Amino acid sequence: MLATGAWSAQLLPVPVTPRKGQMLSVRVPSRQEQSLEQVLFGSEIYIVPCQDGRIVNGATSEDVGFYTR
């Protein structure tokens, strides 16, 4: 596991660039069974089912450069 994020290239010779994105997390109602069982990837979106009943959707990725704050 590497937890240095966008600055990883300072430690290891790996090509890393910072990206900015947004995600949405929704919860399946407790009375309803979670039917999604695997991660789905599209050209501009991903959908991740979680064991706690949430479904995480990510749909944006922006090249914003290094932002130090």
PDB file of N, CA and C in Angstrom:
ATOM      1  N   MET A   1       0.849  -1.175   0.000  1.00  0.00           N
ATOM      2  CA  MET A   1       0.000   0.000   0.000  1.00  0.00           C
ATOM      3  C   MET A   1       0.892   1.235   0.000  1.00  0.00           C
ATOM      4  N   LEU A   2       0.507   2.212  -0.766  1.00  0.00           N
ATOM      5  CA  LEU A   2       1.259   3.455  -0.876  1.00  0.00           C
ATOM      6  C   LEU A   2       0.318   4.600  -0.522  1.00  0.00           C
ATOM      7  N   ALA A   3       0.628   5.348   0.537  1.00  0.00           N
ATOM      8  CA  ALA A   3      -0.297   6.365   1.029  1.00  0.00           C
ATOM      9  C   ALA A   3       0.219   7.788   0.859  1.00  0.00           C
ATOM     10  N   THR A   4       1.153   8.006  -0.052  1.00  0.00           N
ATOM     11  CA  THR A   4       1.671   9.358  -0.241  1.00  0.00           C
ATOM     12  C   THR A   4       0.946  10.104  -1.352  1.00  0.00           C
ATOM     13  N   GLY A   5       0.001   9.474  -1.996  1.00  0.00           N
ATOM     14  CA  GLY A   5      -0.835  10.135  -2.994  1.00  0.00           C
ATOM     15  C   GLY A   5      -0.056  10.687  -4.161  1.00  0.00           C
ATOM     16  N   ALA A   6      -0.354  11.927  -4.516  1.00  0.00           N
ATOM     17  CA  ALA A   6       0.224  12.558  -5.700  1.00  0.00           C
ATOM     18  C   ALA A   6       1.732  12.761  -5.596  1.00  0.00           C
ATOM     19  N   TRP A   7       2.278  12.658  -4.396  1.00  0.00           N
ATOM     20  CA  TRP A   7       3.720  12.849  -4.206  1.00  0.00           C
ATOM     21  C   TRP A   7       4.476  11.514  -4.176  1.00  0.00           C
ATOM     22  N   SER A   8       3.858  10.430  -4.577  1.00  0.00           N
ATOM     23  CA  SER A   8       4.485   9.103  -4.569  1.00  0.00           C
ATOM     24  C   SER A   8       5.742   9.035  -5.422  1.00  0.00           C
ATOM     25  N   ALA A   9       5.778   9.783  -6.512  1.00  0.00           N
ATOM     26  CA  ALA A   9       6.943   9.753  -7.401  1.00  0.00           C
ATOM     27  C   ALA A   9       8.207  10.265  -6.709  1.00  0.00           C
ATOM     28  N   GLN A  10       8.077  10.980  -5.611  1.00  0.00           N
ATOM     29  CA  GLN A  10       9.246  11.433  -4.861  1.00  0.00           C
ATOM     30  C   GLN A  10       9.885  10.286  -4.089  1.00  0.00           C
ATOM     31  N   LEU A  11       9.145   9.206  -3.849  1.00  0.00           N
ATOM     32  CA  LEU A  11       9.660   8.052  -3.115  1.00  0.00           C
ATOM     33  C   LEU A  11      10.024   6.885  -4.026  1.00  0.00           C
ATOM     34  N   LEU A  12       9.226   6.668  -5.046  1.00  0.00           N
ATOM     35  CA  LEU A  12       9.399   5.524  -5.941  1.00  0.00           C
ATOM     36  C   LEU A  12       9.356   5.996  -7.390  1.00  0.00           C
ATOM     37  N   PRO A  13      10.017   5.280  -8.278  1.00  0.00           N
ATOM     38  CA  PRO A  13       9.989   5.671  -9.694  1.00  0.00           C
ATOM     39  C   PRO A  13       8.700   5.224 -10.390  1.00  0.00           C
ATOM     40  N   VAL A  14       7.574   5.796  -9.962  1.00  0.00           N
ATOM     41  CA  VAL A  14       6.285   5.467 -10.566  1.00  0.00           C
ATOM     42  C   VAL A  14       5.660   6.743 -11.130  1.00  0.00           C
ATOM     43  N   PRO A  15       5.036   6.662 -12.293  1.00  0.00           N
ATOM     44  CA  PRO A  15       4.397   7.854 -12.859  1.00  0.00           C
ATOM     45  C   PRO A  15       3.063   8.137 -12.161  1.00  0.00           C
ATOM     46  N   VAL A  16       3.028   9.186 -11.371  1.00  0.00           N
ATOM     47  CA  VAL A  16       1.817   9.547 -10.635  1.00  0.00           C
ATOM     48  C   VAL A  16       1.489  11.003 -10.921  1.00  0.00           C
ATOM     49  N   THR A  17       0.230  11.259 -11.253  1.00  0.00           N
ATOM     50  CA  THR A  17      -0.230  12.634 -11.419  1.00  0.00           C
ATOM     51  C   THR A  17      -1.497  12.805 -10.597  1.00  0.00           C
ATOM     52  N   PRO A  18      -1.695  13.974 -10.012  1.00  0.00           N
ATOM     53  CA  PRO A  18      -2.897  14.193  -9.204  1.00  0.00           C
ATOM     54  C   PRO A  18      -4.135  14.321 -10.067  1.00  0.00           C
ATOM     55  N   ARG A  19      -5.223  13.759  -9.601  1.00  0.00           N
ATOM     56  CA  ARG A  19      -6.512  13.857 -10.287  1.00  0.00           C
ATOM     57  C   ARG A  19      -7.558  14.285  -9.261  1.00  0.00           C
ATOM     58  N   LYS A  20      -8.528  15.024  -9.692  1.00  0.00           N
ATOM     59  CA  LYS A  20      -9.619  15.442  -8.834  1.00  0.00           C
ATOM     60  C   LYS A  20     -10.891  14.805  -9.365  1.00  0.00           C
ATOM     61  N   GLY A  21     -11.740  14.364  -8.467  1.00  0.00           N
ATOM     62  CA  GLY A  21     -12.990  13.768  -8.906  1.00  0.00           C
ATOM     63  C   GLY A  21     -14.058  13.842  -7.843  1.00  0.00           C
ATOM     64  N   GLN A  22     -15.258  13.511  -8.220  1.00  0.00           N
ATOM     65  CA  GLN A  22     -16.380  13.491  -7.294  1.00  0.00           C
ATOM     66  C   GLN A  22     -16.977  12.089  -7.270  1.00  0.00           C
ATOM     67  N   MET A  23     -17.536  11.752  -6.089  1.00  0.00           N
ATOM     68  CA  MET A  23     -18.187  10.463  -5.913  1.00  0.00           C
ATOM     69  C   MET A  23     -19.535  10.689  -5.238  1.00  0.00           C
ATOM     70  N   LEU A  24     -20.408   9.729  -5.389  1.00  0.00           N
ATOM     71  CA  LEU A  24     -21.719   9.741  -4.749  1.00  0.00           C
ATOM     72  C   LEU A  24     -21.914   8.388  -4.098  1.00  0.00           C
ATOM     73  N   SER A  25     -22.322   8.390  -2.850  1.00  0.00           N
ATOM     74  CA  SER A  25     -22.597   7.154  -2.140  1.00  0.00           C
ATOM     75  C   SER A  25     -24.080   7.105  -1.811  1.00  0.00           C
ATOM     76  N   VAL A  26     -24.739   6.016  -2.194  1.00  0.00           N
ATOM     77  CA  VAL A  26     -26.157   5.821  -1.885  1.00  0.00           C
ATOM     78  C   VAL A  26     -26.308   4.525  -1.109  1.00  0.00           C
ATOM     79  N   ARG A  27     -27.355   4.433  -0.323  1.00  0.00           N
ATOM     80  CA  ARG A  27     -27.580   3.237   0.482  1.00  0.00           C
ATOM     81  C   ARG A  27     -28.827   2.511  -0.003  1.00  0.00           C
ATOM     82  N   VAL A  28     -28.701   1.207  -0.171  1.00  0.00           N
ATOM     83  CA  VAL A  28     -29.841   0.372  -0.534  1.00  0.00           C
ATOM     84  C   VAL A  28     -30.723   0.259   0.711  1.00  0.00           C
ATOM     85  N   PRO A  29     -32.044   0.472   0.591  1.00  0.00           N
ATOM     86  CA  PRO A  29     -32.923   0.343   1.770  1.00  0.00           C
ATOM     87  C   PRO A  29     -32.753  -1.018   2.434  1.00  0.00           C
ATOM     88  N   SER A  30     -32.789  -1.060   3.758  1.00  0.00           N
ATOM     89  CA  SER A  30     -32.524  -2.297   4.501  1.00  0.00           C
ATOM     90  C   SER A  30     -33.503  -3.415   4.154  1.00  0.00           C
ATOM     91  N   ARG A  31     -34.693  -3.083   3.728  1.00  0.00           N
ATOM     92  CA  ARG A  31     -35.673  -4.131   3.376  1.00  0.00           C
ATOM     93  C   ARG A  31     -35.453  -4.692   1.970  1.00  0.00           C
ATOM     94  N   GLN A  32     -34.535  -4.089   1.230  1.00  0.00           N
ATOM     95  CA  GLN A  32     -34.279  -4.506  -0.145  1.00  0.00           C
ATOM     96  C   GLN A  32     -32.900  -5.173  -0.228  1.00  0.00           C
ATOM     97  N   GLU A  33     -32.811  -6.265  -0.963  1.00  0.00           N
ATOM     98  CA  GLU A  33     -31.549  -6.986  -1.099  1.00  0.00           C
ATOM     99  C   GLU A  33     -30.630  -6.289  -2.102  1.00  0.00           C
ATOM    100  N   GLN A  34     -29.348  -6.247  -1.769  1.00  0.00           N
ATOM    101  CA  GLN A  34     -28.329  -5.674  -2.667  1.00  0.00           C
ATOM    102  C   GLN A  34     -28.146  -6.626  -3.847  1.00  0.00           C
ATOM    103  N   SER A  35     -28.468  -6.191  -5.057  1.00  0.00           N
ATOM    104  CA  SER A  35     -28.380  -7.073  -6.220  1.00  0.00           C
ATOM    105  C   SER A  35     -27.068  -6.916  -6.988  1.00  0.00           C
ATOM    106  N   LEU A  36     -26.352  -5.831  -6.756  1.00  0.00           N
ATOM    107  CA  LEU A  36     -25.080  -5.613  -7.444  1.00  0.00           C
ATOM    108  C   LEU A  36     -23.981  -6.344  -6.672  1.00  0.00           C
ATOM    109  N   GLU A  37     -23.229  -7.216  -7.350  1.00  0.00           N
ATOM    110  CA  GLU A  37     -22.240  -8.043  -6.671  1.00  0.00           C
ATOM    111  C   GLU A  37     -20.805  -7.807  -7.118  1.00  0.00           C
ATOM    112  N   GLN A  38     -20.582  -6.977  -8.137  1.00  0.00           N
ATOM    113  CA  GLN A  38     -19.222  -6.746  -8.608  1.00  0.00           C
ATOM    114  C   GLN A  38     -19.049  -5.298  -9.018  1.00  0.00           C
ATOM    115  N   VAL A  39     -17.805  -4.853  -9.077  1.00  0.00           N
ATOM    116  CA  VAL A  39     -17.500  -3.493  -9.497  1.00  0.00           C
ATOM    117  C   VAL A  39     -17.758  -3.376 -11.001  1.00  0.00           C
ATOM    118  N   LEU A  40     -18.406  -2.300 -11.405  1.00  0.00           N
ATOM    119  CA  LEU A  40     -18.678  -2.043 -12.815  1.00  0.00           C
ATOM    120  C   LEU A  40     -17.864  -0.836 -13.263  1.00  0.00           C
ATOM    121  N   PHE A  41     -17.200  -0.950 -14.394  1.00  0.00           N
ATOM    122  CA  PHE A  41     -16.403   0.133 -14.951  1.00  0.00           C
ATOM    123  C   PHE A  41     -16.952   0.510 -16.310  1.00  0.00           C
ATOM    124  N   GLY A  42     -17.076   1.803 -16.567  1.00  0.00           N
ATOM    125  CA  GLY A  42     -17.428   2.322 -17.877  1.00  0.00           C
ATOM    126  C   GLY A  42     -16.327   3.263 -18.316  1.00  0.00           C
ATOM    127  N   SER A  43     -16.485   3.884 -19.463  1.00  0.00           N
ATOM    128  CA  SER A  43     -15.438   4.771 -19.954  1.00  0.00           C
ATOM    129  C   SER A  43     -15.287   6.012 -19.077  1.00  0.00           C
ATOM    130  N   GLU A  44     -16.368   6.448 -18.429  1.00  0.00           N
ATOM    131  CA  GLU A  44     -16.292   7.642 -17.586  1.00  0.00           C
ATOM    132  C   GLU A  44     -17.008   7.484 -16.250  1.00  0.00           C
ATOM    133  N   ILE A  45     -17.209   6.251 -15.811  1.00  0.00           N
ATOM    134  CA  ILE A  45     -17.909   6.016 -14.544  1.00  0.00           C
ATOM    135  C   ILE A  45     -17.488   4.677 -13.955  1.00  0.00           C
ATOM    136  N   TYR A  46     -17.594   4.578 -12.633  1.00  0.00           N
ATOM    137  CA  TYR A  46     -17.446   3.287 -11.974  1.00  0.00           C
ATOM    138  C   TYR A  46     -18.506   3.181 -10.884  1.00  0.00           C
ATOM    139  N   ILE A  47     -18.937   1.971 -10.606  1.00  0.00           N
ATOM    140  CA  ILE A  47     -19.952   1.707  -9.593  1.00  0.00           C
ATOM    141  C   ILE A  47     -19.424   0.578  -8.720  1.00  0.00           C
ATOM    142  N   VAL A  48     -19.375   0.826  -7.409  1.00  0.00           N
ATOM    143  CA  VAL A  48     -18.790  -0.135  -6.479  1.00  0.00           C
ATOM    144  C   VAL A  48     -19.818  -0.521  -5.413  1.00  0.00           C
ATOM    145  N   PRO A  49     -20.205  -1.803  -5.338  1.00  0.00           N
ATOM    146  CA  PRO A  49     -21.082  -2.237  -4.256  1.00  0.00           C
ATOM    147  C   PRO A  49     -20.258  -2.454  -2.985  1.00  0.00           C
ATOM    148  N   CYS A  50     -20.776  -2.027  -1.853  1.00  0.00           N
ATOM    149  CA  CYS A  50     -20.073  -2.192  -0.574  1.00  0.00           C
ATOM    150  C   CYS A  50     -20.825  -3.184   0.297  1.00  0.00           C
ATOM    151  N   GLN A  51     -20.122  -3.839   1.192  1.00  0.00           N
ATOM    152  CA  GLN A  51     -20.726  -4.852   2.051  1.00  0.00           C
ATOM    153  C   GLN A  51     -21.734  -4.268   3.032  1.00  0.00           C
ATOM    154  N   ASP A  52     -21.626  -2.976   3.337  1.00  0.00           N
ATOM    155  CA  ASP A  52     -22.546  -2.369   4.292  1.00  0.00           C
ATOM    156  C   ASP A  52     -23.843  -1.868   3.643  1.00  0.00           C
ATOM    157  N   GLY A  53     -24.076  -2.196   2.362  1.00  0.00           N
ATOM    158  CA  GLY A  53     -25.303  -1.816   1.688  1.00  0.00           C
ATOM    159  C   GLY A  53     -25.205  -0.541   0.862  1.00  0.00           C
ATOM    160  N   ARG A  54     -24.052   0.130   0.904  1.00  0.00           N
ATOM    161  CA  ARG A  54     -23.884   1.331   0.085  1.00  0.00           C
ATOM    162  C   ARG A  54     -23.467   0.964  -1.324  1.00  0.00           C
ATOM    163  N   ILE A  55     -23.748   1.850  -2.256  1.00  0.00           N
ATOM    164  CA  ILE A  55     -23.239   1.751  -3.619  1.00  0.00           C
ATOM    165  C   ILE A  55     -22.537   3.066  -3.899  1.00  0.00           C
ATOM    166  N   VAL A  56     -21.256   2.996  -4.240  1.00  0.00           N
ATOM    167  CA  VAL A  56     -20.447   4.184  -4.498  1.00  0.00           C
ATOM    168  C   VAL A  56     -20.320   4.359  -6.007  1.00  0.00           C
ATOM    169  N   ASN A  57     -20.636   5.570  -6.479  1.00  0.00           N
ATOM    170  CA  ASN A  57     -20.559   5.896  -7.902  1.00  0.00           C
ATOM    171  C   ASN A  57     -19.538   7.010  -8.093  1.00  0.00           C
ATOM    172  N   GLY A  58     -18.637   6.836  -9.009  1.00  0.00           N
ATOM    173  CA  GLY A  58     -17.679   7.875  -9.343  1.00  0.00           C
ATOM    174  C   GLY A  58     -17.791   8.165 -10.828  1.00  0.00           C
ATOM    175  N   ALA A  59     -17.812   9.467 -11.179  1.00  0.00           N
ATOM    176  CA  ALA A  59     -18.069   9.772 -12.582  1.00  0.00           C
ATOM    177  C   ALA A  59     -17.239  10.907 -13.146  1.00  0.00           C
ATOM    178  N   THR A  60     -16.352  11.481 -12.367  1.00  0.00           N
ATOM    179  CA  THR A  60     -15.559  12.575 -12.914  1.00  0.00           C
ATOM    180  C   THR A  60     -14.090  12.358 -12.593  1.00  0.00           C
ATOM    181  N   SER A  61     -13.260  12.895 -13.433  1.00  0.00           N
ATOM    182  CA  SER A  61     -11.823  12.856 -13.213  1.00  0.00           C
ATOM    183  C   SER A  61     -11.214  14.043 -13.934  1.00  0.00           C
ATOM    184  N   GLU A  62     -10.629  14.956 -13.152  1.00  0.00           N
ATOM    185  CA  GLU A  62     -10.084  16.176 -13.735  1.00  0.00           C
ATOM    186  C   GLU A  62      -8.589  16.251 -13.487  1.00  0.00           C
ATOM    187  N   ASP A  63      -7.849  16.695 -14.475  1.00  0.00           N
ATOM    188  CA  ASP A  63      -6.416  16.923 -14.326  1.00  0.00           C
ATOM    189  C   ASP A  63      -6.235  18.354 -13.832  1.00  0.00           C
ATOM    190  N   VAL A  64      -5.996  18.515 -12.522  1.00  0.00           N
ATOM    191  CA  VAL A  64      -5.949  19.848 -11.923  1.00  0.00           C
ATOM    192  C   VAL A  64      -4.549  20.257 -11.465  1.00  0.00           C
ATOM    193  N   GLY A  65      -3.575  19.381 -11.636  1.00  0.00           N
ATOM    194  CA  GLY A  65      -2.224  19.698 -11.177  1.00  0.00           C
ATOM    195  C   GLY A  65      -2.110  19.549  -9.668  1.00  0.00           C
ATOM    196  N   PHE A  66      -0.961  19.902  -9.136  1.00  0.00           N
ATOM    197  CA  PHE A  66      -0.711  19.772  -7.711  1.00  0.00           C
ATOM    198  C   PHE A  66      -1.326  20.952  -6.961  1.00  0.00           C
ATOM    199  N   TYR A  67      -2.150  20.642  -5.985  1.00  0.00           N
ATOM    200  CA  TYR A  67      -2.798  21.640  -5.163  1.00  0.00           C
ATOM    201  C   TYR A  67      -2.376  21.354  -3.723  1.00  0.00           C
ATOM    202  N   THR A  68      -1.602  22.207  -3.104  1.00  0.00           N
ATOM    203  CA  THR A  68      -0.951  21.898  -1.829  1.00  0.00           C
ATOM    204  C   THR A  68      -1.808  22.195  -0.599  1.00  0.00           C
ATOM    205  N   ARG A  69      -2.971  22.778  -0.728  1.00  0.00           N
ATOM    206  CA  ARG A  69      -3.804  23.048   0.445  1.00  0.00           C
ATOM    207  C   ARG A  69      -4.760  21.928   0.729  1.00  0.00           C
TER     208      ARG A  69
END
